[in-house]
N, C-alpha and C. Protein backbone atom coordinates (compact mmCIF):
# COMPACT_ATOMS: atom_id res chain seq x y z
N MET A 1 29.87 -15.05 56.78
CA MET A 1 31.01 -14.15 56.63
C MET A 1 32.08 -14.40 57.70
N VAL A 2 31.68 -14.95 58.82
CA VAL A 2 32.64 -15.16 59.90
C VAL A 2 33.23 -16.57 59.83
N ALA A 3 32.78 -17.38 58.87
CA ALA A 3 33.22 -18.77 58.79
C ALA A 3 34.74 -18.87 58.59
N TRP A 4 35.35 -17.93 57.90
CA TRP A 4 36.79 -18.01 57.68
C TRP A 4 37.58 -17.87 58.97
N ARG A 5 37.02 -17.20 59.97
CA ARG A 5 37.72 -17.06 61.25
C ARG A 5 37.72 -18.36 62.03
N ARG A 6 36.69 -19.18 61.84
CA ARG A 6 36.58 -20.41 62.61
C ARG A 6 37.30 -21.58 61.95
N ALA A 7 37.77 -21.39 60.74
CA ALA A 7 38.48 -22.45 60.05
C ALA A 7 39.81 -22.72 60.76
N PRO A 8 40.19 -23.98 60.89
CA PRO A 8 41.46 -24.28 61.56
C PRO A 8 42.65 -23.77 60.74
N ARG A 9 43.56 -23.15 61.41
CA ARG A 9 44.76 -22.64 60.76
C ARG A 9 45.97 -23.25 61.46
N PRO A 10 46.42 -24.42 61.01
CA PRO A 10 47.49 -25.10 61.73
C PRO A 10 48.80 -24.32 61.73
N LEU A 11 49.08 -23.59 60.68
CA LEU A 11 50.34 -22.83 60.63
C LEU A 11 50.34 -21.72 61.67
N VAL A 12 49.23 -21.03 61.81
CA VAL A 12 49.14 -19.96 62.81
C VAL A 12 49.29 -20.54 64.21
N GLY A 13 48.60 -21.65 64.47
CA GLY A 13 48.72 -22.29 65.79
C GLY A 13 50.14 -22.72 66.08
N PHE A 14 50.81 -23.29 65.06
CA PHE A 14 52.19 -23.72 65.24
C PHE A 14 53.10 -22.53 65.55
N LEU A 15 52.93 -21.44 64.80
CA LEU A 15 53.78 -20.26 65.03
C LEU A 15 53.55 -19.66 66.41
N LEU A 16 52.30 -19.61 66.85
CA LEU A 16 52.01 -19.08 68.18
C LEU A 16 52.61 -19.97 69.27
N ARG A 17 52.52 -21.29 69.08
CA ARG A 17 53.12 -22.19 70.07
C ARG A 17 54.63 -22.03 70.09
N ALA A 18 55.24 -21.86 68.92
CA ALA A 18 56.69 -21.69 68.86
C ALA A 18 57.12 -20.39 69.54
N LEU A 19 56.39 -19.30 69.29
CA LEU A 19 56.73 -18.04 69.94
C LEU A 19 56.53 -18.13 71.45
N ARG A 20 55.47 -18.80 71.88
CA ARG A 20 55.22 -18.95 73.31
C ARG A 20 56.34 -19.74 73.97
N LEU A 21 56.79 -20.79 73.30
CA LEU A 21 57.90 -21.59 73.82
C LEU A 21 59.18 -20.76 73.87
N LEU A 22 59.42 -19.96 72.84
CA LEU A 22 60.62 -19.12 72.79
C LEU A 22 60.64 -18.13 73.94
N PHE A 23 59.51 -17.44 74.18
CA PHE A 23 59.48 -16.47 75.27
C PHE A 23 59.55 -17.16 76.63
N GLY A 24 58.92 -18.32 76.75
CA GLY A 24 59.02 -19.07 78.01
C GLY A 24 60.46 -19.47 78.29
N PHE A 25 61.17 -19.93 77.26
CA PHE A 25 62.57 -20.29 77.43
C PHE A 25 63.41 -19.06 77.75
N GLY A 26 63.06 -17.91 77.14
CA GLY A 26 63.78 -16.67 77.45
C GLY A 26 63.62 -16.28 78.91
N LEU A 27 62.42 -16.47 79.45
CA LEU A 27 62.22 -16.18 80.87
C LEU A 27 63.04 -17.14 81.74
N PHE A 28 63.13 -18.39 81.32
CA PHE A 28 63.97 -19.34 82.05
C PHE A 28 65.43 -18.90 82.05
N LEU A 29 65.92 -18.43 80.90
CA LEU A 29 67.31 -17.98 80.83
C LEU A 29 67.54 -16.74 81.70
N ILE A 30 66.56 -15.85 81.77
CA ILE A 30 66.69 -14.68 82.64
C ILE A 30 66.81 -15.14 84.10
N GLY A 31 65.97 -16.11 84.47
CA GLY A 31 66.04 -16.64 85.84
C GLY A 31 67.37 -17.31 86.12
N LEU A 32 67.90 -18.03 85.14
CA LEU A 32 69.19 -18.68 85.31
C LEU A 32 70.31 -17.65 85.46
N ALA A 33 70.26 -16.58 84.67
CA ALA A 33 71.26 -15.52 84.79
C ALA A 33 71.17 -14.86 86.16
N GLU A 34 69.96 -14.67 86.65
CA GLU A 34 69.79 -14.07 87.98
C GLU A 34 70.40 -14.97 89.05
N PHE A 35 70.22 -16.28 88.92
CA PHE A 35 70.75 -17.22 89.91
C PHE A 35 72.27 -17.28 89.86
N VAL A 36 72.84 -17.27 88.65
CA VAL A 36 74.28 -17.43 88.50
C VAL A 36 75.03 -16.13 88.81
N LEU A 37 74.54 -15.02 88.30
CA LEU A 37 75.29 -13.77 88.39
C LEU A 37 74.90 -12.90 89.58
N GLY A 38 73.89 -13.27 90.31
CA GLY A 38 73.46 -12.46 91.44
C GLY A 38 72.40 -11.47 91.01
N PRO A 39 72.02 -10.57 91.93
CA PRO A 39 70.93 -9.65 91.61
C PRO A 39 71.29 -8.71 90.46
N LEU A 40 70.53 -8.78 89.42
CA LEU A 40 70.70 -7.89 88.28
C LEU A 40 69.41 -7.12 88.07
N ASN A 41 69.51 -6.07 87.32
CA ASN A 41 68.30 -5.29 87.04
C ASN A 41 67.62 -5.85 85.80
N VAL A 42 67.04 -7.02 85.95
CA VAL A 42 66.39 -7.69 84.82
C VAL A 42 64.88 -7.77 85.01
N ALA A 43 64.36 -7.14 86.04
CA ALA A 43 62.92 -7.25 86.32
C ALA A 43 62.10 -6.65 85.18
N GLY A 44 62.54 -5.54 84.61
CA GLY A 44 61.80 -4.92 83.51
C GLY A 44 61.78 -5.79 82.27
N LEU A 45 62.93 -6.40 81.95
CA LEU A 45 63.00 -7.29 80.80
C LEU A 45 62.12 -8.52 81.01
N ALA A 46 62.17 -9.08 82.21
CA ALA A 46 61.34 -10.26 82.49
C ALA A 46 59.86 -9.89 82.48
N GLY A 47 59.53 -8.71 82.99
CA GLY A 47 58.13 -8.28 82.98
C GLY A 47 57.61 -8.08 81.57
N GLY A 48 58.42 -7.48 80.71
CA GLY A 48 58.01 -7.32 79.31
C GLY A 48 57.84 -8.65 78.61
N SER A 49 58.74 -9.60 78.89
CA SER A 49 58.61 -10.92 78.29
C SER A 49 57.37 -11.63 78.79
N LEU A 50 57.04 -11.44 80.07
CA LEU A 50 55.84 -12.08 80.61
C LEU A 50 54.58 -11.52 79.96
N ILE A 51 54.56 -10.22 79.71
CA ILE A 51 53.39 -9.63 79.05
C ILE A 51 53.22 -10.22 77.66
N ILE A 52 54.31 -10.32 76.91
CA ILE A 52 54.23 -10.90 75.57
C ILE A 52 53.83 -12.37 75.65
N PHE A 53 54.40 -13.09 76.62
CA PHE A 53 54.07 -14.50 76.80
C PHE A 53 52.59 -14.69 77.09
N SER A 54 52.03 -13.85 77.96
CA SER A 54 50.62 -14.00 78.30
C SER A 54 49.72 -13.61 77.11
N ARG A 55 50.13 -12.63 76.32
CA ARG A 55 49.35 -12.28 75.13
C ARG A 55 49.37 -13.43 74.12
N LEU A 56 50.53 -14.07 73.93
CA LEU A 56 50.61 -15.21 73.03
C LEU A 56 49.75 -16.36 73.55
N GLN A 57 49.72 -16.53 74.87
CA GLN A 57 48.89 -17.57 75.47
C GLN A 57 47.42 -17.30 75.16
N ALA A 58 47.02 -16.05 75.23
CA ALA A 58 45.62 -15.71 74.99
C ALA A 58 45.26 -15.86 73.51
N LEU A 59 46.22 -15.66 72.62
CA LEU A 59 45.94 -15.76 71.18
C LEU A 59 45.95 -17.19 70.66
N SER A 60 46.53 -18.11 71.42
CA SER A 60 46.68 -19.47 70.90
C SER A 60 45.31 -20.12 70.69
N PRO A 61 45.16 -20.87 69.62
CA PRO A 61 43.86 -21.48 69.34
C PRO A 61 43.51 -22.54 70.37
N ARG A 62 42.23 -22.61 70.73
CA ARG A 62 41.72 -23.58 71.70
C ARG A 62 40.73 -24.50 70.98
N PRO A 63 40.59 -25.72 71.47
CA PRO A 63 39.54 -26.58 70.91
C PRO A 63 38.16 -25.96 71.12
N HIS A 64 37.24 -26.29 70.24
CA HIS A 64 35.91 -25.69 70.32
C HIS A 64 35.27 -26.01 71.66
N GLY A 65 34.79 -25.00 72.34
CA GLY A 65 34.12 -25.17 73.63
C GLY A 65 35.06 -25.14 74.82
N ALA A 66 36.36 -25.10 74.60
CA ALA A 66 37.30 -25.07 75.73
C ALA A 66 37.31 -23.69 76.36
N ARG A 67 37.34 -23.67 77.67
CA ARG A 67 37.35 -22.39 78.38
C ARG A 67 38.78 -21.89 78.51
N ARG A 68 38.91 -20.58 78.49
CA ARG A 68 40.23 -19.98 78.69
C ARG A 68 40.43 -19.77 80.18
N SER A 69 41.55 -20.26 80.69
CA SER A 69 41.83 -20.07 82.11
C SER A 69 42.29 -18.64 82.35
N ARG A 70 42.11 -18.18 83.58
CA ARG A 70 42.52 -16.81 83.90
C ARG A 70 44.03 -16.68 83.80
N ALA A 71 44.76 -17.57 84.40
CA ALA A 71 46.22 -17.55 84.31
C ALA A 71 46.71 -18.99 84.47
N SER A 72 47.58 -19.40 83.60
CA SER A 72 48.10 -20.75 83.68
C SER A 72 49.06 -20.85 84.86
N ARG A 73 49.37 -22.07 85.23
CA ARG A 73 50.29 -22.30 86.34
C ARG A 73 51.66 -21.70 86.03
N ALA A 74 52.09 -21.82 84.77
CA ALA A 74 53.39 -21.26 84.38
C ALA A 74 53.38 -19.74 84.50
N GLU A 75 52.29 -19.09 84.08
CA GLU A 75 52.23 -17.63 84.17
C GLU A 75 52.27 -17.17 85.62
N ARG A 76 51.56 -17.89 86.51
CA ARG A 76 51.61 -17.51 87.93
C ARG A 76 53.01 -17.69 88.48
N GLY A 77 53.70 -18.76 88.04
CA GLY A 77 55.07 -18.99 88.49
C GLY A 77 56.00 -17.90 88.01
N TYR A 78 55.86 -17.50 86.73
CA TYR A 78 56.70 -16.43 86.19
C TYR A 78 56.43 -15.13 86.94
N SER A 79 55.17 -14.87 87.26
CA SER A 79 54.85 -13.64 87.99
C SER A 79 55.54 -13.63 89.35
N ALA A 80 55.52 -14.77 90.04
CA ALA A 80 56.17 -14.85 91.36
C ALA A 80 57.67 -14.65 91.23
N VAL A 81 58.27 -15.21 90.18
CA VAL A 81 59.71 -15.05 89.98
C VAL A 81 60.05 -13.59 89.70
N ILE A 82 59.24 -12.93 88.89
CA ILE A 82 59.50 -11.52 88.56
C ILE A 82 59.37 -10.65 89.80
N ILE A 83 58.40 -10.94 90.66
CA ILE A 83 58.26 -10.18 91.90
C ILE A 83 59.51 -10.37 92.75
N CYS A 84 60.03 -11.61 92.82
CA CYS A 84 61.26 -11.85 93.58
C CYS A 84 62.43 -11.09 92.97
N PHE A 85 62.51 -11.05 91.62
CA PHE A 85 63.57 -10.28 90.96
C PHE A 85 63.49 -8.82 91.37
N ALA A 86 62.29 -8.27 91.29
CA ALA A 86 62.13 -6.85 91.58
C ALA A 86 62.50 -6.53 93.02
N ARG A 87 62.22 -7.45 93.93
CA ARG A 87 62.56 -7.21 95.34
C ARG A 87 64.05 -7.40 95.61
N SER A 88 64.73 -8.23 94.78
CA SER A 88 66.14 -8.49 95.03
C SER A 88 67.06 -7.43 94.44
N VAL A 89 66.53 -6.60 93.55
CA VAL A 89 67.36 -5.57 92.93
C VAL A 89 67.55 -4.43 93.93
N PRO A 90 68.80 -4.13 94.30
CA PRO A 90 69.01 -3.07 95.28
C PRO A 90 68.69 -1.69 94.69
N ASP A 91 68.20 -0.84 95.54
CA ASP A 91 67.89 0.53 95.13
C ASP A 91 69.20 1.32 95.12
N PRO A 92 69.64 1.83 93.97
CA PRO A 92 70.93 2.54 93.93
C PRO A 92 70.92 3.82 94.76
N ARG A 93 69.75 4.39 95.02
CA ARG A 93 69.69 5.60 95.83
C ARG A 93 69.90 5.31 97.31
N ALA A 94 69.66 4.06 97.72
CA ALA A 94 69.76 3.73 99.14
C ALA A 94 71.21 3.50 99.56
N HIS A 95 72.08 3.15 98.63
CA HIS A 95 73.47 2.85 98.96
C HIS A 95 74.36 3.96 98.42
N THR A 96 74.90 4.73 99.30
CA THR A 96 75.75 5.84 98.88
C THR A 96 77.07 5.77 99.64
N THR A 97 78.09 6.27 99.02
CA THR A 97 79.41 6.30 99.66
C THR A 97 79.74 7.70 100.17
N ASP A 98 78.76 8.58 100.12
CA ASP A 98 78.98 9.95 100.57
C ASP A 98 78.98 9.97 102.10
N LEU A 99 80.12 10.30 102.69
CA LEU A 99 80.26 10.32 104.15
C LEU A 99 80.31 11.75 104.69
N SER A 100 79.86 12.72 103.92
CA SER A 100 79.99 14.11 104.34
C SER A 100 78.96 14.50 105.39
N HIS A 101 77.93 13.72 105.58
CA HIS A 101 76.93 14.10 106.57
C HIS A 101 77.07 13.22 107.74
């Protein structure tokens, strides 16, 4: 009964690879926008894309017997970039123009 799950599905694998590539490229574009335009509040968007990217990575088909790595090198790199984004975004509450006190 479980044999249908183990059958190779090339279309599903292709679609998952395409989506993973799309989200990876989206994260690259977010990083490029951060570099060009300065600190923006894009950490939440990048974090959401990373979550989807990692889920797609986990769903992608592997050869029989291949082990799943905990986190790929690209995922660790994206995580480090997102942490840098989050630290570079200024806190709007910390900068005030109120001089009354």
